[in-house]
Amino acid sequence: MVTGPLALVLGATGIRRSEKGVATNFGPSLTGATLGALAILVVALMFAVTR
């Protein structure tokens, strides 16, 4: 339950750092942020369906 938001925050941080030129990992950062957002969506849908 904590890993989705954590992936979203760290992915967004990585994206910002790569856009500034501090890091060179735009692809993995974008993947992490996207998968974190999808994980949050799946958990929210599961809660909505089961309640």
N, C-alpha and C. Protein backbone atom coordinates (compact mmCIF):
# COMPACT_ATOMS: atom_id res chain seq x y z
N MET A 1 0.82 -1.18 0.00
CA MET A 1 0.00 0.00 0.00
C MET A 1 0.88 1.26 0.00
N VAL A 2 2.06 1.14 0.52
CA VAL A 2 2.96 2.29 0.58
C VAL A 2 3.80 2.38 -0.69
N THR A 3 3.98 1.26 -1.37
CA THR A 3 4.91 1.24 -2.50
C THR A 3 4.41 2.03 -3.72
N GLY A 4 3.10 2.08 -3.94
CA GLY A 4 2.57 2.85 -5.08
C GLY A 4 2.86 4.33 -4.98
N PRO A 5 2.45 4.97 -3.86
CA PRO A 5 2.77 6.40 -3.71
C PRO A 5 4.28 6.67 -3.67
N LEU A 6 5.02 5.76 -3.06
CA LEU A 6 6.47 5.93 -3.00
C LEU A 6 7.08 5.88 -4.39
N ALA A 7 6.63 4.95 -5.23
CA ALA A 7 7.13 4.87 -6.60
C ALA A 7 6.76 6.12 -7.39
N LEU A 8 5.56 6.63 -7.16
CA LEU A 8 5.12 7.83 -7.86
C LEU A 8 5.98 9.04 -7.47
N VAL A 9 6.23 9.20 -6.19
CA VAL A 9 7.02 10.34 -5.71
C VAL A 9 8.47 10.23 -6.18
N LEU A 10 9.07 9.07 -6.03
CA LEU A 10 10.47 8.91 -6.44
C LEU A 10 10.62 8.99 -7.96
N GLY A 11 9.64 8.48 -8.70
CA GLY A 11 9.69 8.60 -10.16
C GLY A 11 9.59 10.05 -10.60
N ALA A 12 8.68 10.80 -9.98
CA ALA A 12 8.54 12.22 -10.32
C ALA A 12 9.81 12.99 -9.96
N THR A 13 10.42 12.64 -8.83
CA THR A 13 11.68 13.28 -8.45
C THR A 13 12.77 12.98 -9.47
N GLY A 14 12.84 11.74 -9.91
CA GLY A 14 13.82 11.36 -10.93
C GLY A 14 13.60 12.07 -12.25
N ILE A 15 12.34 12.23 -12.62
CA ILE A 15 12.02 12.94 -13.87
C ILE A 15 12.47 14.40 -13.77
N ARG A 16 12.17 15.03 -12.64
CA ARG A 16 12.59 16.44 -12.47
C ARG A 16 14.10 16.57 -12.50
N ARG A 17 14.80 15.64 -11.85
CA ARG A 17 16.26 15.70 -11.83
C ARG A 17 16.85 15.47 -13.22
N SER A 18 16.23 14.58 -14.00
CA SER A 18 16.76 14.34 -15.34
C SER A 18 16.48 15.51 -16.27
N GLU A 19 15.35 16.20 -16.06
CA GLU A 19 15.07 17.38 -16.88
C GLU A 19 16.02 18.53 -16.56
N LYS A 20 16.49 18.61 -15.32
CA LYS A 20 17.45 19.65 -14.94
C LYS A 20 18.85 19.31 -15.42
N GLY A 21 19.10 18.07 -15.81
CA GLY A 21 20.42 17.67 -16.27
C GLY A 21 21.27 17.08 -15.17
N VAL A 22 20.71 16.89 -13.99
CA VAL A 22 21.47 16.34 -12.87
C VAL A 22 21.60 14.83 -13.01
N ALA A 23 20.59 14.17 -13.56
CA ALA A 23 20.58 12.72 -13.71
C ALA A 23 20.32 12.35 -15.17
N THR A 24 20.65 11.12 -15.51
CA THR A 24 20.47 10.67 -16.90
C THR A 24 19.49 9.49 -16.98
N ASN A 25 18.60 9.36 -16.03
CA ASN A 25 17.72 8.20 -15.97
C ASN A 25 16.26 8.56 -16.21
N PHE A 26 16.00 9.25 -17.29
CA PHE A 26 14.62 9.67 -17.57
C PHE A 26 13.70 8.47 -17.80
N GLY A 27 14.14 7.50 -18.58
CA GLY A 27 13.31 6.34 -18.90
C GLY A 27 12.89 5.54 -17.68
N PRO A 28 13.84 5.12 -16.84
CA PRO A 28 13.45 4.39 -15.64
C PRO A 28 12.61 5.23 -14.68
N SER A 29 12.86 6.51 -14.61
CA SER A 29 12.06 7.38 -13.74
C SER A 29 10.62 7.48 -14.25
N LEU A 30 10.46 7.61 -15.54
CA LEU A 30 9.13 7.66 -16.13
C LEU A 30 8.39 6.33 -15.93
N THR A 31 9.11 5.24 -16.08
CA THR A 31 8.52 3.92 -15.86
C THR A 31 8.08 3.76 -14.41
N GLY A 32 8.91 4.17 -13.47
CA GLY A 32 8.56 4.07 -12.05
C GLY A 32 7.36 4.91 -11.69
N ALA A 33 7.31 6.13 -12.19
CA ALA A 33 6.17 7.00 -11.91
C ALA A 33 4.89 6.45 -12.52
N THR A 34 4.99 5.92 -13.73
CA THR A 34 3.81 5.36 -14.39
C THR A 34 3.30 4.12 -13.66
N LEU A 35 4.20 3.23 -13.30
CA LEU A 35 3.78 2.02 -12.59
C LEU A 35 3.26 2.33 -11.20
N GLY A 36 3.83 3.35 -10.55
CA GLY A 36 3.30 3.77 -9.25
C GLY A 36 1.89 4.30 -9.36
N ALA A 37 1.63 5.08 -10.39
CA ALA A 37 0.28 5.61 -10.60
C ALA A 37 -0.69 4.48 -10.93
N LEU A 38 -0.25 3.51 -11.72
CA LEU A 38 -1.11 2.37 -12.04
C LEU A 38 -1.39 1.53 -10.79
N ALA A 39 -0.41 1.36 -9.94
CA ALA A 39 -0.61 0.60 -8.70
C ALA A 39 -1.63 1.29 -7.81
N ILE A 40 -1.56 2.60 -7.70
CA ILE A 40 -2.53 3.35 -6.90
C ILE A 40 -3.93 3.18 -7.49
N LEU A 41 -4.02 3.24 -8.82
CA LEU A 41 -5.31 3.08 -9.49
C LEU A 41 -5.89 1.69 -9.26
N VAL A 42 -5.06 0.66 -9.37
CA VAL A 42 -5.53 -0.71 -9.17
C VAL A 42 -6.00 -0.92 -7.75
N VAL A 43 -5.26 -0.41 -6.77
CA VAL A 43 -5.67 -0.55 -5.37
C VAL A 43 -6.98 0.20 -5.12
N ALA A 44 -7.12 1.38 -5.68
CA ALA A 44 -8.36 2.13 -5.51
C ALA A 44 -9.54 1.40 -6.13
N LEU A 45 -9.34 0.82 -7.30
CA LEU A 45 -10.40 0.06 -7.95
C LEU A 45 -10.76 -1.18 -7.14
N MET A 46 -9.78 -1.85 -6.59
CA MET A 46 -10.06 -3.04 -5.78
C MET A 46 -10.85 -2.68 -4.54
N PHE A 47 -10.50 -1.57 -3.91
CA PHE A 47 -11.28 -1.12 -2.75
C PHE A 47 -12.71 -0.77 -3.15
N ALA A 48 -12.87 -0.14 -4.30
CA ALA A 48 -14.21 0.25 -4.75
C ALA A 48 -15.06 -0.97 -5.09
N VAL A 49 -14.46 -1.97 -5.66
CA VAL A 49 -15.20 -3.16 -6.07
C VAL A 49 -15.57 -4.03 -4.86
N THR A 50 -14.68 -4.14 -3.91
CA THR A 50 -14.92 -5.05 -2.79
C THR A 50 -15.77 -4.43 -1.68
N ARG A 51 -16.02 -3.16 -1.73
CA ARG A 51 -16.82 -2.54 -0.67
C ARG A 51 -18.18 -2.17 -1.14
